[in-house]
């Protein structure tokens, strides 16, 4: 019997794949646990529509990421941080602070989880890498300046 998997099944495959399994295994394990459905014409058509919709959403996300890249790539943002007389800063600049500064200065809302960086612990200019999508990434220069 051919089955379309609704969930990832460790020994069979990933969600959305069509697998051939024993009839009893399908009737007694996969279908009752809602891990998959029988691969009939209606279910195959539903799978095709879901895949087309997923591709459309993925393309929209990629287009959005491309627009974000053009807005922030190779721009410089300034972040003020408290520092001592000798230029040594107190604390560090984290990804959250960088994301907030990008939102404030450039008007682009970036999730802090997409920012790939080590905490900045010195005054100066640092390159920060932002992963916007699978293949799309941007670089931002973060300039830390001492506040009085």
Protein backbone atom coordinates (compact mmCIF):
# COMPACT_ATOMS: atom_id res chain seq x y z
CA UNK A 1 0.00 0.00 0.00
CA UNK A 2 1.26 3.50 -0.77
CA UNK A 3 0.96 6.07 2.00
CA UNK A 4 1.51 9.85 2.07
CA UNK A 5 3.27 10.76 5.31
CA UNK A 6 1.65 13.59 7.29
CA UNK A 7 4.37 13.61 9.97
CA UNK A 8 8.05 12.65 9.94
CA UNK A 9 8.38 8.93 10.67
CA UNK A 10 11.85 7.90 11.80
CA UNK A 11 12.09 4.61 9.91
CA UNK A 12 10.13 5.67 6.79
CA UNK A 13 10.70 9.24 5.72
CA UNK A 14 9.87 12.89 6.04
CA UNK A 15 6.54 14.69 5.94
CA UNK A 16 5.01 14.89 2.46
CA UNK A 17 6.77 11.88 0.95
CA UNK A 18 5.01 8.92 -0.61
CA UNK A 19 6.22 5.57 0.71
CA UNK A 20 5.25 1.99 0.04
CA UNK A 21 4.56 -0.03 3.20
CA UNK A 22 2.93 -3.30 4.17
CA UNK A 23 -0.90 -3.10 4.20
CA UNK A 24 -1.15 -4.19 7.84
CA UNK A 25 1.51 -1.68 8.95
CA UNK A 26 -0.42 1.11 7.22
CA UNK A 27 -3.86 0.08 8.59
CA UNK A 28 -2.74 -0.73 12.14
CA UNK A 29 0.01 1.81 12.82
CA UNK A 30 0.41 4.70 10.37
CA UNK A 31 -3.21 5.64 9.62
CA UNK A 32 -4.67 5.27 13.17
CA UNK A 33 -1.84 7.38 14.67
CA UNK A 34 -2.43 10.01 11.96
CA UNK A 35 1.16 9.69 10.71
CA UNK A 36 -0.03 9.25 7.13
CA UNK A 37 -2.98 8.80 4.78
CA UNK A 38 -3.64 6.40 1.92
CA UNK A 39 -2.24 7.64 -1.40
CA UNK A 40 -5.46 7.88 -3.42
CA UNK A 41 -6.27 10.45 -6.13
CA UNK A 42 -7.83 13.00 -3.76
CA UNK A 43 -4.96 12.84 -1.26
CA UNK A 44 -2.34 13.03 -4.04
CA UNK A 45 -4.08 16.13 -5.42
CA UNK A 46 -4.11 17.69 -1.93
CA UNK A 47 -0.38 16.95 -1.60
CA UNK A 48 0.30 18.63 -4.95
CA UNK A 49 -1.66 21.73 -3.87
CA UNK A 50 0.14 21.88 -0.51
CA UNK A 51 3.53 21.63 -2.24
CA UNK A 52 2.58 24.43 -4.66
CA UNK A 53 1.43 26.62 -1.76
CA UNK A 54 4.64 25.91 0.18
CA UNK A 55 6.74 26.90 -2.86
CA UNK A 56 4.76 30.12 -3.22
CA UNK A 57 5.30 31.00 0.45
CA UNK A 58 9.01 30.18 0.20
CA UNK A 59 9.36 32.45 -2.84
CA UNK A 60 7.59 35.27 -0.97
CA UNK A 61 9.96 34.85 1.99
CA UNK A 62 12.97 34.91 -0.35
CA UNK A 63 11.71 38.09 -2.04
CA UNK A 64 11.17 39.71 1.36
CA UNK A 65 14.69 38.72 2.44
CA UNK A 66 16.11 40.19 -0.78
CA UNK A 67 14.35 43.50 -0.09
CA UNK A 68 15.70 43.50 3.48
CA UNK A 69 19.22 42.83 2.17
CA UNK A 70 19.13 45.84 -0.14
CA UNK A 71 17.95 47.99 2.77
CA UNK A 72 20.67 46.97 5.25
CA UNK A 73 23.64 45.53 3.35
CA UNK A 74 26.94 47.37 3.97
CA UNK A 75 25.29 50.08 6.07
CA UNK A 76 26.80 51.40 9.31
CA UNK A 77 24.86 51.69 12.56
CA UNK A 78 26.04 53.39 15.74
CA UNK A 79 25.51 52.01 19.22
CA UNK A 80 26.42 54.05 22.27
CA UNK A 81 27.73 52.18 25.31
CA UNK A 82 29.12 53.30 28.64
CA UNK A 83 32.89 53.30 28.76
CA UNK A 84 35.62 54.27 31.17
CA UNK A 85 38.26 56.94 30.65
CA UNK A 86 40.69 54.55 28.99
CA UNK A 87 38.13 53.38 26.40
CA UNK A 88 37.30 50.13 28.18
CA UNK A 89 33.56 49.43 27.94
CA UNK A 90 31.31 48.16 30.68
CA UNK A 91 29.48 45.01 29.56
CA UNK A 92 29.12 44.16 25.88
CA UNK A 93 26.94 44.76 22.84
CA UNK A 94 24.71 41.76 22.13
CA UNK A 95 22.68 40.62 19.13
CA UNK A 96 19.50 42.04 20.70
CA UNK A 97 21.02 45.51 20.93
CA UNK A 98 22.23 45.28 17.31
CA UNK A 99 18.74 44.19 16.16
CA UNK A 100 17.15 47.09 18.06
CA UNK A 101 19.64 49.55 16.53
CA UNK A 102 18.96 48.25 13.00
CA UNK A 103 15.21 48.62 13.59
CA UNK A 104 15.65 52.15 14.96
CA UNK A 105 18.19 53.52 12.47
CA UNK A 106 17.37 51.67 9.25
CA UNK A 107 13.69 50.89 9.84
CA UNK A 108 14.10 47.15 9.17
CA UNK A 109 12.76 44.67 11.71
CA UNK A 110 15.38 41.92 12.18
CA UNK A 111 15.03 38.99 14.56
CA UNK A 112 17.98 38.77 16.95
CA UNK A 113 18.31 35.04 16.22
CA UNK A 114 19.28 35.81 12.62
CA UNK A 115 22.29 37.84 13.71
CA UNK A 116 25.50 35.79 13.77
CA UNK A 117 28.04 37.44 16.05
CA UNK A 118 30.06 37.25 19.22
CA UNK A 119 29.30 39.93 21.81
CA UNK A 120 31.22 43.12 21.03
CA UNK A 121 33.48 44.04 23.95
CA UNK A 122 35.48 46.95 22.54
CA UNK A 123 34.95 50.37 21.04
CA UNK A 124 35.36 50.59 17.27
CA UNK A 125 33.84 49.20 14.08
CA UNK A 126 32.86 45.53 13.86
CA UNK A 127 31.40 43.62 10.90
CA UNK A 128 28.23 41.71 11.79
CA UNK A 129 26.77 38.94 9.60
CA UNK A 130 22.98 38.61 9.32
CA UNK A 131 21.43 35.44 7.87
CA UNK A 132 18.14 36.58 6.31
CA UNK A 133 17.22 33.41 4.40
CA UNK A 134 18.78 30.10 3.33
CA UNK A 135 20.94 31.65 0.60
CA UNK A 136 20.53 35.35 1.41
CA UNK A 137 22.68 37.11 3.97
CA UNK A 138 23.82 40.66 4.65
CA UNK A 139 26.69 42.39 6.44
CA UNK A 140 26.31 45.44 8.66
CA UNK A 141 29.05 47.51 10.22
CA UNK A 142 28.42 48.20 13.90
CA UNK A 143 30.25 51.21 15.29
CA UNK A 144 30.38 51.28 19.07
CA UNK A 145 30.95 54.72 20.55
CA UNK A 146 31.55 55.72 24.15
CA UNK A 147 28.77 57.55 25.93
CA UNK A 148 29.51 60.15 28.56
